[in-house]
N, C-alpha and C. Protein backbone atom coordinates (compact mmCIF):
# COMPACT_ATOMS: atom_id res chain seq x y z
N MET A 1 0.85 -1.19 0.00
CA MET A 1 0.00 0.00 0.00
C MET A 1 0.89 1.24 0.00
N SER A 2 0.67 2.11 -0.95
CA SER A 2 1.50 3.31 -1.05
C SER A 2 0.85 4.47 -0.32
N VAL A 3 1.71 5.38 0.06
CA VAL A 3 1.25 6.58 0.76
C VAL A 3 1.41 7.76 -0.18
N LEU A 4 0.37 8.54 -0.36
CA LEU A 4 0.42 9.71 -1.22
C LEU A 4 0.74 10.94 -0.36
N ALA A 5 1.83 11.63 -0.74
CA ALA A 5 2.21 12.85 -0.02
C ALA A 5 1.59 14.05 -0.73
N VAL A 6 0.96 14.88 0.00
CA VAL A 6 0.31 16.06 -0.56
C VAL A 6 1.11 17.29 -0.14
N ASP A 7 1.56 18.05 -1.14
CA ASP A 7 2.31 19.27 -0.84
C ASP A 7 1.35 20.34 -0.33
N ALA A 8 1.65 20.84 0.84
CA ALA A 8 0.85 21.92 1.41
C ALA A 8 1.58 23.23 1.19
N PRO A 9 0.89 24.27 0.81
CA PRO A 9 1.55 25.56 0.61
C PRO A 9 2.26 26.03 1.86
N THR A 10 3.46 26.56 1.69
CA THR A 10 4.23 27.09 2.82
C THR A 10 3.66 28.42 3.24
N ARG A 11 3.53 28.63 4.54
CA ARG A 11 3.03 29.90 5.04
C ARG A 11 4.20 30.86 5.19
N GLY A 12 3.95 32.12 4.95
CA GLY A 12 5.02 33.10 5.04
C GLY A 12 4.46 34.50 5.16
N PRO A 13 5.32 35.51 5.07
CA PRO A 13 4.85 36.90 5.23
C PRO A 13 3.94 37.36 4.10
N TRP A 14 3.79 36.51 3.08
CA TRP A 14 2.90 36.87 1.97
C TRP A 14 1.45 36.44 2.22
N ASP A 15 1.18 35.78 3.35
CA ASP A 15 -0.19 35.34 3.65
C ASP A 15 -1.15 36.52 3.62
N GLY A 16 -2.26 36.33 2.93
CA GLY A 16 -3.27 37.38 2.84
C GLY A 16 -2.99 38.41 1.76
N ARG A 17 -1.85 38.27 1.07
CA ARG A 17 -1.51 39.20 -0.01
C ARG A 17 -1.82 38.59 -1.37
N LEU A 18 -2.00 39.45 -2.35
CA LEU A 18 -2.18 39.01 -3.72
C LEU A 18 -0.86 38.45 -4.25
N VAL A 19 -0.92 37.22 -4.79
CA VAL A 19 0.27 36.58 -5.37
C VAL A 19 0.09 36.50 -6.88
N VAL A 20 1.08 36.96 -7.63
CA VAL A 20 0.99 37.01 -9.09
C VAL A 20 2.29 36.50 -9.70
N ARG A 21 2.26 36.31 -11.00
CA ARG A 21 3.48 35.97 -11.74
C ARG A 21 3.47 36.73 -13.06
N THR A 22 4.65 37.04 -13.56
CA THR A 22 4.74 37.71 -14.86
C THR A 22 4.64 36.66 -15.96
N ALA A 23 4.22 37.07 -17.14
CA ALA A 23 4.07 36.14 -18.25
C ALA A 23 5.43 35.53 -18.58
N GLY A 24 5.53 34.23 -18.48
CA GLY A 24 6.78 33.54 -18.77
C GLY A 24 7.81 33.65 -17.68
N GLY A 25 7.49 34.33 -16.57
CA GLY A 25 8.45 34.50 -15.48
C GLY A 25 8.48 33.30 -14.55
N ARG A 26 9.63 33.05 -13.96
CA ARG A 26 9.78 31.91 -13.05
C ARG A 26 9.40 32.30 -11.62
N LEU A 27 9.67 33.55 -11.23
CA LEU A 27 9.44 33.98 -9.86
C LEU A 27 8.01 34.47 -9.67
N LEU A 28 7.53 34.34 -8.44
CA LEU A 28 6.24 34.88 -8.05
C LEU A 28 6.46 36.24 -7.39
N HIS A 29 5.51 37.12 -7.56
CA HIS A 29 5.60 38.46 -6.97
C HIS A 29 4.43 38.66 -6.01
N ILE A 30 4.65 39.51 -5.03
CA ILE A 30 3.64 39.78 -4.01
C ILE A 30 3.08 41.18 -4.25
N GLY A 31 1.76 41.27 -4.33
CA GLY A 31 1.13 42.56 -4.53
C GLY A 31 1.34 43.46 -3.32
N ALA A 32 1.43 44.77 -3.56
CA ALA A 32 1.57 45.72 -2.46
C ALA A 32 0.35 45.65 -1.55
N GLU A 33 0.49 46.14 -0.35
CA GLU A 33 -0.60 46.08 0.63
C GLU A 33 -1.85 46.74 0.06
N GLY A 34 -2.96 46.02 0.11
CA GLY A 34 -4.22 46.54 -0.39
C GLY A 34 -4.48 46.25 -1.85
N ALA A 35 -3.49 45.70 -2.56
CA ALA A 35 -3.67 45.40 -3.99
C ALA A 35 -4.61 44.21 -4.15
N VAL A 36 -5.53 44.32 -5.09
CA VAL A 36 -6.48 43.24 -5.37
C VAL A 36 -6.38 42.87 -6.84
N SER A 37 -6.86 41.69 -7.15
CA SER A 37 -6.79 41.18 -8.52
C SER A 37 -8.00 41.64 -9.32
N PRO A 38 -7.78 42.40 -10.39
CA PRO A 38 -8.92 42.77 -11.25
C PRO A 38 -9.45 41.54 -11.98
N GLY A 39 -10.52 41.74 -12.74
CA GLY A 39 -11.16 40.61 -13.40
C GLY A 39 -10.36 40.03 -14.55
N GLY A 40 -9.52 40.85 -15.22
CA GLY A 40 -8.78 40.37 -16.39
C GLY A 40 -7.71 39.37 -16.03
N ALA A 41 -7.32 38.57 -17.02
CA ALA A 41 -6.27 37.57 -16.80
C ALA A 41 -4.90 38.23 -16.71
N VAL A 42 -4.69 39.32 -17.45
CA VAL A 42 -3.42 40.04 -17.41
C VAL A 42 -3.71 41.47 -17.00
N PHE A 43 -2.94 41.99 -16.02
CA PHE A 43 -3.19 43.33 -15.52
C PHE A 43 -1.92 43.88 -14.91
N THR A 44 -1.94 45.16 -14.61
CA THR A 44 -0.80 45.82 -13.96
C THR A 44 -1.23 46.20 -12.55
N VAL A 45 -0.42 45.83 -11.58
CA VAL A 45 -0.75 46.09 -10.19
C VAL A 45 0.54 46.45 -9.45
N ALA A 46 0.43 47.32 -8.44
CA ALA A 46 1.61 47.68 -7.65
C ALA A 46 2.12 46.46 -6.90
N LEU A 47 3.42 46.24 -6.93
CA LEU A 47 4.05 45.09 -6.28
C LEU A 47 4.94 45.56 -5.13
N GLU A 48 5.27 44.62 -4.26
CA GLU A 48 6.19 44.95 -3.17
C GLU A 48 7.54 45.40 -3.70
N CYS A 49 7.97 44.82 -4.83
CA CYS A 49 9.27 45.18 -5.39
C CYS A 49 9.17 46.35 -6.36
N CYS A 50 7.95 46.81 -6.66
CA CYS A 50 7.75 47.93 -7.57
C CYS A 50 6.45 48.63 -7.19
N ARG A 51 6.55 49.59 -6.28
CA ARG A 51 5.35 50.24 -5.74
C ARG A 51 4.68 51.17 -6.75
N ASP A 52 5.42 51.62 -7.75
CA ASP A 52 4.85 52.52 -8.75
C ASP A 52 4.06 51.69 -9.76
N GLN A 53 2.74 51.78 -9.70
CA GLN A 53 1.89 50.95 -10.56
C GLN A 53 2.12 51.24 -12.04
N SER A 54 2.51 52.49 -12.38
CA SER A 54 2.74 52.82 -13.79
C SER A 54 3.99 52.16 -14.32
N GLN A 55 4.90 51.74 -13.43
CA GLN A 55 6.14 51.09 -13.85
C GLN A 55 6.09 49.58 -13.64
N ALA A 56 5.06 49.09 -12.97
CA ALA A 56 4.98 47.67 -12.65
C ALA A 56 4.72 46.84 -13.90
N PRO A 57 5.21 45.61 -13.96
CA PRO A 57 5.01 44.78 -15.15
C PRO A 57 3.59 44.20 -15.20
N GLY A 58 3.17 43.75 -16.38
CA GLY A 58 1.90 43.06 -16.51
C GLY A 58 2.01 41.68 -15.88
N VAL A 59 1.02 41.28 -15.10
CA VAL A 59 1.08 40.02 -14.35
C VAL A 59 -0.23 39.24 -14.50
N ARG A 60 -0.18 37.98 -14.06
CA ARG A 60 -1.36 37.12 -14.00
C ARG A 60 -1.53 36.64 -12.56
N PRO A 61 -2.76 36.40 -12.13
CA PRO A 61 -2.97 35.88 -10.77
C PRO A 61 -2.34 34.49 -10.63
N TRP A 62 -1.92 34.15 -9.42
CA TRP A 62 -1.35 32.84 -9.13
C TRP A 62 -2.15 32.19 -8.01
N ALA A 63 -2.67 30.98 -8.27
CA ALA A 63 -3.49 30.28 -7.28
C ALA A 63 -2.82 29.02 -6.77
N GLY A 64 -1.59 28.74 -7.23
CA GLY A 64 -0.90 27.52 -6.82
C GLY A 64 -0.16 27.69 -5.50
N PRO A 65 0.62 26.67 -5.13
CA PRO A 65 1.39 26.74 -3.88
C PRO A 65 2.47 27.81 -3.96
N VAL A 66 2.79 28.40 -2.82
CA VAL A 66 3.80 29.45 -2.74
C VAL A 66 4.85 29.03 -1.72
N ASP A 67 6.10 29.00 -2.16
CA ASP A 67 7.18 28.76 -1.21
C ASP A 67 8.25 29.80 -1.43
N GLU A 68 9.09 29.99 -0.43
CA GLU A 68 10.05 31.08 -0.43
C GLU A 68 10.99 31.02 -1.64
N ALA A 69 11.33 29.83 -2.09
CA ALA A 69 12.27 29.69 -3.20
C ALA A 69 11.73 30.28 -4.49
N ARG A 70 10.41 30.40 -4.59
CA ARG A 70 9.80 30.90 -5.83
C ARG A 70 9.40 32.36 -5.74
N VAL A 71 9.54 32.97 -4.58
CA VAL A 71 9.11 34.36 -4.40
C VAL A 71 10.26 35.29 -4.77
N CYS A 72 9.95 36.37 -5.45
CA CYS A 72 10.93 37.39 -5.84
C CYS A 72 11.71 37.87 -4.61
N PRO A 73 13.05 37.79 -4.62
CA PRO A 73 13.83 38.20 -3.45
C PRO A 73 13.57 39.65 -3.02
N ALA A 74 13.36 40.54 -3.99
CA ALA A 74 13.09 41.94 -3.64
C ALA A 74 11.75 42.08 -2.92
N CYS A 75 10.75 41.29 -3.35
CA CYS A 75 9.46 41.31 -2.66
C CYS A 75 9.61 40.81 -1.23
N LEU A 76 10.40 39.74 -1.05
CA LEU A 76 10.62 39.20 0.30
C LEU A 76 11.30 40.21 1.20
N ARG A 77 12.34 40.88 0.68
CA ARG A 77 13.04 41.88 1.51
C ARG A 77 12.10 43.00 1.92
N SER A 78 11.23 43.41 1.01
CA SER A 78 10.29 44.48 1.32
C SER A 78 9.28 44.02 2.38
N LEU A 79 8.79 42.79 2.25
CA LEU A 79 7.82 42.27 3.22
C LEU A 79 8.44 42.16 4.62
N ARG A 80 9.71 41.81 4.67
CA ARG A 80 10.39 41.62 5.96
C ARG A 80 11.02 42.90 6.48
N GLY A 81 10.97 43.97 5.69
CA GLY A 81 11.59 45.22 6.12
C GLY A 81 13.10 45.18 6.10
N GLU A 82 13.68 44.33 5.26
CA GLU A 82 15.13 44.21 5.19
C GLU A 82 15.68 45.21 4.18
N PRO A 83 16.89 45.74 4.40
CA PRO A 83 17.48 46.71 3.46
C PRO A 83 17.96 46.01 2.18
N GLU A 84 18.11 46.79 1.13
CA GLU A 84 18.66 46.27 -0.11
C GLU A 84 20.12 45.87 0.12
N PRO A 85 20.58 44.78 -0.49
CA PRO A 85 21.97 44.37 -0.30
C PRO A 85 22.92 45.39 -0.89
N VAL A 86 24.03 45.62 -0.21
CA VAL A 86 25.06 46.56 -0.67
C VAL A 86 26.15 45.76 -1.37
N LEU A 87 26.34 46.05 -2.66
CA LEU A 87 27.35 45.33 -3.43
C LEU A 87 28.72 45.90 -3.12
N PRO A 88 29.73 45.06 -2.94
CA PRO A 88 31.08 45.57 -2.67
C PRO A 88 31.64 46.30 -3.87
N LEU A 89 32.37 47.38 -3.60
CA LEU A 89 33.01 48.13 -4.67
C LEU A 89 34.31 47.45 -5.07
N VAL A 90 34.50 47.28 -6.37
CA VAL A 90 35.71 46.64 -6.88
C VAL A 90 36.42 47.62 -7.78
N GLU A 91 37.67 47.91 -7.47
CA GLU A 91 38.46 48.82 -8.29
C GLU A 91 38.70 48.21 -9.65
N ALA A 92 38.53 49.02 -10.70
CA ALA A 92 38.74 48.52 -12.05
C ALA A 92 40.16 48.00 -12.21
N GLY A 93 40.27 46.80 -12.77
CA GLY A 93 41.57 46.20 -12.99
C GLY A 93 42.07 45.37 -11.83
N ALA A 94 41.33 45.39 -10.69
CA ALA A 94 41.77 44.63 -9.53
C ALA A 94 41.33 43.18 -9.66
N PRO A 95 42.17 42.21 -9.22
CA PRO A 95 41.77 40.80 -9.31
C PRO A 95 40.62 40.50 -8.36
N VAL A 96 39.68 39.70 -8.80
CA VAL A 96 38.52 39.32 -8.01
C VAL A 96 38.51 37.81 -7.87
N ARG A 97 38.41 37.31 -6.65
CA ARG A 97 38.38 35.88 -6.43
C ARG A 97 37.14 35.54 -5.59
N PRO A 98 35.98 35.40 -6.23
CA PRO A 98 34.77 35.06 -5.47
C PRO A 98 34.87 33.67 -4.87
N ALA A 99 34.03 33.43 -3.85
CA ALA A 99 34.09 32.14 -3.14
C ALA A 99 33.78 30.98 -4.06
N GLU A 100 32.90 31.20 -5.06
CA GLU A 100 32.49 30.11 -5.91
C GLU A 100 33.44 29.89 -7.09
N ALA A 101 34.48 30.74 -7.22
CA ALA A 101 35.40 30.57 -8.34
C ALA A 101 36.17 29.26 -8.20
N ALA A 102 36.42 28.63 -9.32
CA ALA A 102 37.16 27.37 -9.32
C ALA A 102 38.60 27.62 -8.89
N PRO A 103 39.22 26.69 -8.16
CA PRO A 103 40.60 26.87 -7.73
C PRO A 103 41.51 27.10 -8.93
N GLY A 104 42.41 28.08 -8.77
CA GLY A 104 43.35 28.36 -9.83
C GLY A 104 42.88 29.39 -10.84
N ARG A 105 41.55 29.67 -10.86
CA ARG A 105 41.04 30.66 -11.80
C ARG A 105 41.20 32.06 -11.22
N ARG A 106 41.61 33.01 -12.05
CA ARG A 106 41.78 34.39 -11.62
C ARG A 106 40.87 35.27 -12.46
N LEU A 107 39.89 35.90 -11.82
CA LEU A 107 38.95 36.74 -12.53
C LEU A 107 39.35 38.20 -12.35
N TRP A 108 39.06 39.00 -13.35
CA TRP A 108 39.41 40.42 -13.31
C TRP A 108 38.17 41.28 -13.52
N ALA A 109 38.10 42.38 -12.79
CA ALA A 109 37.01 43.33 -12.99
C ALA A 109 37.18 44.00 -14.35
N VAL A 110 36.06 44.28 -15.01
CA VAL A 110 36.12 44.94 -16.31
C VAL A 110 36.46 46.41 -16.10
N PRO A 111 37.50 46.94 -16.74
CA PRO A 111 37.87 48.34 -16.53
C PRO A 111 36.83 49.28 -17.12
N SER A 112 36.80 50.49 -16.59
CA SER A 112 35.88 51.50 -17.10
C SER A 112 36.28 51.88 -18.52
N PRO A 113 35.29 52.28 -19.35
CA PRO A 113 35.63 52.71 -20.71
C PRO A 113 36.62 53.86 -20.71
N ALA A 114 37.53 53.84 -21.67
CA ALA A 114 38.55 54.89 -21.73
C ALA A 114 37.90 56.23 -22.06
N ALA A 115 38.39 57.29 -21.43
CA ALA A 115 37.91 58.64 -21.71
C ALA A 115 39.11 59.50 -22.06
N TRP A 116 39.06 60.15 -23.19
CA TRP A 116 40.18 60.95 -23.67
C TRP A 116 39.88 62.43 -23.48
N ALA A 117 40.94 63.19 -23.17
CA ALA A 117 40.78 64.62 -22.91
C ALA A 117 40.19 65.33 -24.12
N ALA A 118 39.22 66.21 -23.85
CA ALA A 118 38.56 66.93 -24.94
C ALA A 118 39.53 67.89 -25.62
N ALA A 119 39.39 68.01 -26.92
CA ALA A 119 40.26 68.90 -27.69
C ALA A 119 39.85 70.35 -27.49
N ALA A 120 40.85 71.23 -27.37
CA ALA A 120 40.57 72.66 -27.20
C ALA A 120 40.61 73.35 -28.56
N LEU A 121 39.59 74.13 -28.85
CA LEU A 121 39.54 74.88 -30.09
C LEU A 121 40.55 76.03 -30.06
N PRO A 122 41.14 76.38 -31.20
CA PRO A 122 42.08 77.51 -31.20
C PRO A 122 41.38 78.81 -30.84
N ALA A 123 41.92 79.51 -29.88
CA ALA A 123 41.29 80.75 -29.40
C ALA A 123 41.51 81.91 -30.34
N GLU A 124 42.57 81.84 -31.17
CA GLU A 124 42.83 82.95 -32.08
C GLU A 124 43.53 82.44 -33.32
N HIS A 125 43.55 83.30 -34.35
CA HIS A 125 44.27 82.99 -35.58
C HIS A 125 44.71 84.31 -36.20
N ARG A 126 45.98 84.36 -36.59
CA ARG A 126 46.57 85.57 -37.14
C ARG A 126 46.48 86.73 -36.15
N GLY A 127 46.58 86.39 -34.87
CA GLY A 127 46.61 87.41 -33.83
C GLY A 127 45.27 87.98 -33.46
N ARG A 128 44.18 87.42 -34.01
CA ARG A 128 42.86 87.94 -33.67
C ARG A 128 42.00 86.80 -33.11
N PRO A 129 41.12 87.11 -32.12
CA PRO A 129 40.32 86.05 -31.48
C PRO A 129 39.26 85.47 -32.41
N ILE A 130 38.94 84.18 -32.16
CA ILE A 130 37.88 83.48 -32.89
C ILE A 130 36.74 83.17 -31.93
N THR A 131 35.52 83.44 -32.34
CA THR A 131 34.33 83.09 -31.54
C THR A 131 33.75 81.81 -32.11
N TRP A 132 33.64 80.78 -31.25
CA TRP A 132 33.18 79.46 -31.70
C TRP A 132 31.78 79.17 -31.19
N SER A 133 31.03 78.39 -31.96
CA SER A 133 29.73 77.89 -31.52
C SER A 133 29.94 76.62 -30.69
N SER A 134 28.87 76.07 -30.14
CA SER A 134 28.97 74.82 -29.39
C SER A 134 29.14 73.64 -30.36
N TRP A 135 29.69 72.55 -29.83
CA TRP A 135 29.84 71.34 -30.63
C TRP A 135 28.47 70.72 -30.88
N THR A 136 28.23 70.32 -32.13
CA THR A 136 26.98 69.64 -32.50
C THR A 136 27.32 68.45 -33.39
N PRO A 137 26.44 67.44 -33.49
CA PRO A 137 26.71 66.31 -34.39
C PRO A 137 26.83 66.78 -35.84
N ALA A 138 27.85 66.29 -36.52
CA ALA A 138 28.05 66.67 -37.92
C ALA A 138 27.05 65.94 -38.80
N PRO A 139 26.58 66.57 -39.87
CA PRO A 139 25.63 65.89 -40.77
C PRO A 139 26.30 64.70 -41.46
N VAL A 140 25.50 63.66 -41.71
CA VAL A 140 26.00 62.47 -42.40
C VAL A 140 25.84 62.68 -43.90
N ILE A 141 26.95 62.56 -44.62
CA ILE A 141 26.95 62.78 -46.07
C ILE A 141 26.92 61.44 -46.78
N THR A 142 25.98 61.28 -47.71
CA THR A 142 25.85 60.03 -48.45
C THR A 142 27.13 59.73 -49.23
N HIS A 143 27.49 58.44 -49.27
CA HIS A 143 28.68 57.97 -49.98
C HIS A 143 29.98 58.52 -49.40
N TYR A 144 29.95 58.99 -48.15
CA TYR A 144 31.17 59.47 -47.51
C TYR A 144 31.24 58.86 -46.12
N SER A 145 32.34 58.19 -45.81
CA SER A 145 32.47 57.52 -44.52
C SER A 145 32.59 58.54 -43.40
N SER A 146 31.78 58.35 -42.36
CA SER A 146 31.84 59.24 -41.20
C SER A 146 32.74 58.67 -40.10
N ALA A 147 33.45 57.56 -40.39
CA ALA A 147 34.32 56.94 -39.40
C ALA A 147 35.57 57.78 -39.18
N CYS A 148 36.07 57.79 -37.95
CA CYS A 148 37.28 58.53 -37.62
C CYS A 148 38.48 57.85 -38.28
N SER A 149 39.33 58.64 -38.93
CA SER A 149 40.48 58.07 -39.63
C SER A 149 41.56 57.59 -38.68
N TRP A 150 41.49 58.02 -37.40
CA TRP A 150 42.52 57.60 -36.44
C TRP A 150 42.07 56.37 -35.63
N CYS A 151 40.95 56.48 -34.92
CA CYS A 151 40.54 55.38 -34.03
C CYS A 151 39.54 54.44 -34.69
N GLY A 152 38.89 54.88 -35.78
CA GLY A 152 37.94 54.02 -36.47
C GLY A 152 36.53 54.09 -35.93
N ASP A 153 36.25 55.00 -34.97
CA ASP A 153 34.89 55.12 -34.45
C ASP A 153 33.93 55.42 -35.60
N ALA A 154 32.76 54.76 -35.58
CA ALA A 154 31.83 54.87 -36.70
C ALA A 154 31.23 56.27 -36.87
N GLY A 155 31.28 57.08 -35.82
CA GLY A 155 30.75 58.44 -35.94
C GLY A 155 29.22 58.49 -35.90
N PRO A 156 28.61 59.58 -36.34
CA PRO A 156 29.27 60.75 -36.92
C PRO A 156 30.06 61.56 -35.90
N CYS A 157 31.01 62.37 -36.42
CA CYS A 157 31.83 63.19 -35.55
C CYS A 157 31.04 64.42 -35.11
N GLU A 158 31.70 65.35 -34.43
CA GLU A 158 31.08 66.60 -34.00
C GLU A 158 31.73 67.77 -34.76
N MET A 159 30.98 68.84 -34.90
CA MET A 159 31.52 70.00 -35.59
C MET A 159 31.15 71.28 -34.84
N ALA A 160 31.97 72.31 -35.06
CA ALA A 160 31.71 73.63 -34.48
C ALA A 160 32.07 74.68 -35.51
N GLY A 161 31.32 75.76 -35.54
CA GLY A 161 31.59 76.86 -36.46
C GLY A 161 32.21 78.03 -35.72
N GLY A 162 33.11 78.74 -36.39
CA GLY A 162 33.75 79.90 -35.79
C GLY A 162 33.73 81.10 -36.72
N ARG A 163 33.87 82.28 -36.13
CA ARG A 163 33.91 83.49 -36.94
C ARG A 163 34.85 84.49 -36.28
N GLN A 164 35.36 85.36 -37.13
CA GLN A 164 36.33 86.36 -36.68
C GLN A 164 36.09 87.63 -37.47
N GLY A 165 36.15 88.76 -36.82
CA GLY A 165 36.00 90.03 -37.50
C GLY A 165 34.56 90.38 -37.81
N SER A 166 34.38 91.33 -38.72
CA SER A 166 33.05 91.82 -39.07
C SER A 166 33.00 92.13 -40.56
N PRO A 167 31.85 91.88 -41.21
CA PRO A 167 31.75 92.19 -42.64
C PRO A 167 31.81 93.68 -42.93
N GLN A 168 31.58 94.53 -41.92
CA GLN A 168 31.63 95.97 -42.12
C GLN A 168 33.02 96.56 -41.86
N SER A 169 33.96 95.70 -41.35
CA SER A 169 35.28 96.21 -40.98
C SER A 169 36.26 96.04 -42.13
N VAL A 170 37.10 97.05 -42.31
CA VAL A 170 38.15 96.99 -43.33
C VAL A 170 39.42 96.42 -42.73
N THR A 171 39.72 96.78 -41.48
CA THR A 171 40.94 96.31 -40.82
C THR A 171 40.81 94.90 -40.26
N ASP A 172 39.58 94.48 -39.95
CA ASP A 172 39.35 93.13 -39.40
C ASP A 172 38.16 92.51 -40.13
N PRO A 173 38.34 92.09 -41.38
CA PRO A 173 37.22 91.56 -42.16
C PRO A 173 36.71 90.23 -41.60
N LEU A 174 35.51 89.88 -42.03
CA LEU A 174 34.88 88.64 -41.55
C LEU A 174 35.61 87.42 -42.11
N ARG A 175 35.98 86.51 -41.23
CA ARG A 175 36.56 85.23 -41.62
C ARG A 175 35.76 84.13 -40.92
N ARG A 176 35.54 83.03 -41.62
CA ARG A 176 34.76 81.92 -41.07
C ARG A 176 35.64 80.69 -40.92
N TYR A 177 35.32 79.91 -39.87
CA TYR A 177 36.11 78.73 -39.55
C TYR A 177 35.17 77.56 -39.27
N VAL A 178 35.70 76.37 -39.35
CA VAL A 178 34.94 75.16 -38.99
C VAL A 178 35.92 74.16 -38.39
N ALA A 179 35.46 73.41 -37.41
CA ALA A 179 36.30 72.41 -36.76
C ALA A 179 35.52 71.10 -36.66
N TYR A 180 36.23 69.99 -36.79
CA TYR A 180 35.65 68.66 -36.67
C TYR A 180 36.45 67.88 -35.63
N ARG A 181 35.74 67.12 -34.79
CA ARG A 181 36.45 66.28 -33.82
C ARG A 181 35.71 64.96 -33.66
N CYS A 182 36.46 63.91 -33.35
CA CYS A 182 35.88 62.59 -33.08
C CYS A 182 35.32 62.60 -31.67
N SER A 183 34.08 62.18 -31.52
CA SER A 183 33.45 62.19 -30.19
C SER A 183 34.03 61.12 -29.27
N TYR A 184 34.80 60.15 -29.83
CA TYR A 184 35.40 59.10 -28.99
C TYR A 184 36.84 59.45 -28.61
N CYS A 185 37.73 59.57 -29.60
CA CYS A 185 39.15 59.77 -29.29
C CYS A 185 39.55 61.24 -29.20
N GLN A 186 38.66 62.16 -29.62
CA GLN A 186 38.84 63.61 -29.52
C GLN A 186 39.87 64.17 -30.51
N GLU A 187 40.29 63.41 -31.52
CA GLU A 187 41.14 64.00 -32.54
C GLU A 187 40.37 65.13 -33.21
N MET A 188 41.02 66.30 -33.36
CA MET A 188 40.31 67.48 -33.84
C MET A 188 41.15 68.24 -34.85
N THR A 189 40.50 68.73 -35.89
CA THR A 189 41.15 69.57 -36.89
C THR A 189 40.27 70.79 -37.14
N ALA A 190 40.89 71.96 -37.16
CA ALA A 190 40.18 73.21 -37.41
C ALA A 190 40.64 73.79 -38.75
N TYR A 191 39.70 74.40 -39.47
CA TYR A 191 39.98 74.94 -40.79
C TYR A 191 39.45 76.36 -40.90
N GLU A 192 40.06 77.13 -41.83
CA GLU A 192 39.54 78.43 -42.21
C GLU A 192 38.94 78.31 -43.61
N HIS A 193 37.78 78.92 -43.80
CA HIS A 193 37.17 78.96 -45.14
C HIS A 193 37.95 79.99 -45.99
N VAL A 194 38.58 79.50 -47.02
CA VAL A 194 39.30 80.37 -47.95
C VAL A 194 38.68 80.15 -49.32
N GLY A 195 37.78 81.03 -49.72
CA GLY A 195 37.04 80.83 -50.96
C GLY A 195 36.16 79.60 -50.83
N THR A 196 36.34 78.64 -51.74
CA THR A 196 35.59 77.39 -51.68
C THR A 196 36.40 76.27 -51.04
N ASP A 197 37.61 76.58 -50.57
CA ASP A 197 38.48 75.57 -49.96
C ASP A 197 38.53 75.73 -48.45
N LEU A 198 39.06 74.69 -47.79
CA LEU A 198 39.30 74.72 -46.35
C LEU A 198 40.81 74.66 -46.12
N GLU A 199 41.33 75.61 -45.37
CA GLU A 199 42.76 75.67 -45.07
C GLU A 199 42.96 75.32 -43.60
N GLN A 200 43.73 74.26 -43.33
CA GLN A 200 43.92 73.80 -41.96
C GLN A 200 44.69 74.83 -41.15
N ILE A 201 44.18 75.13 -39.94
CA ILE A 201 44.87 76.09 -39.06
C ILE A 201 45.29 75.47 -37.74
N ALA A 202 44.71 74.31 -37.38
CA ALA A 202 45.07 73.67 -36.11
C ALA A 202 44.73 72.19 -36.19
N HIS A 203 45.51 71.38 -35.47
CA HIS A 203 45.25 69.94 -35.41
C HIS A 203 45.59 69.44 -34.02
N TYR A 204 44.63 68.76 -33.40
CA TYR A 204 44.82 68.17 -32.07
C TYR A 204 44.97 66.67 -32.25
N LYS A 205 46.16 66.15 -31.95
CA LYS A 205 46.43 64.73 -32.13
C LYS A 205 45.85 63.93 -30.97
N SER A 206 45.12 62.86 -31.29
CA SER A 206 44.49 62.04 -30.26
C SER A 206 45.54 61.25 -29.48
N ARG A 207 45.23 61.01 -28.21
CA ARG A 207 46.10 60.16 -27.37
C ARG A 207 45.61 58.71 -27.35
N ALA A 208 44.49 58.46 -28.04
CA ALA A 208 43.98 57.07 -28.11
C ALA A 208 44.87 56.24 -29.03
N PRO A 209 45.01 54.94 -28.74
CA PRO A 209 45.80 54.07 -29.62
C PRO A 209 45.20 54.02 -31.03
N LYS A 210 46.05 53.90 -32.02
CA LYS A 210 45.61 53.83 -33.40
C LYS A 210 44.66 52.63 -33.59
N GLY A 211 43.48 52.88 -34.17
CA GLY A 211 42.52 51.82 -34.41
C GLY A 211 41.86 51.25 -33.18
N SER A 212 41.89 51.98 -32.05
CA SER A 212 41.35 51.47 -30.80
C SER A 212 39.84 51.27 -30.81
N ARG A 213 39.15 51.91 -31.73
CA ARG A 213 37.68 51.84 -31.76
C ARG A 213 37.19 50.92 -32.89
N ARG A 214 38.09 50.34 -33.63
CA ARG A 214 37.67 49.51 -34.76
C ARG A 214 37.10 48.18 -34.25
C-alpha cells in the first residue's frame, strides 16, 4: 500500500496578499498592501518590489502553492523590512576571487571605458580672437564615410563653427572657420574657409591608440 504525499503551501509573510506571476516568469511576486486582482487575466498592479503601478510589469494571478524559493527576493526583503543588499566596490583592474570561483582561476574586474581629454579649439588665428559655436553632431553625407580616420569610431563626428572680425570692418574683415572632432578619441582639426576651400589652421592629435575603436 502506497502513501500519497500532498504538498501543502508554505506559510510566510505573503499570507493574505495578492500573489501574481509575470508572463513567462519563473518567480512569483507579491502585490503591495491593499492590492487586489482585477477581473482580467493580465493586468498591472503595484508590487512589493515595484510600488509605482505605472512602472509595474503586466502580471497574471497565481493560485498555486507558494514557497520562499519561488518568491521574488526583492518582494521578500520588502515584506520583511530588510534593506537592499550593498554590493562591494571593486576597483577597475583589480583581481577578483569570489568564493564560488574554481581553484586556480583568476577573474578580473572589467575596466571602465577609456575617456580621452577633450580637444581645445584655437582661441585665435593671425593674432585675432575666434568666436566658436557649441559642438553639435556633424551631418551624415551620403557615400562618404563618417568613421574617424585615427581610431575608427563609426561616428558621426562633431563640428563647431567659428567666426572672426566683421563684414563691415576693413581692418578686421569677416573670416569663417569650422572644426571637426571625433566624439570618442577627440582627434580634432580646425579649418579656415578660404574661398571654396578649407585651409587647416590647427590639429589636435588624439592620445587614443591607433585603431582602438575599430
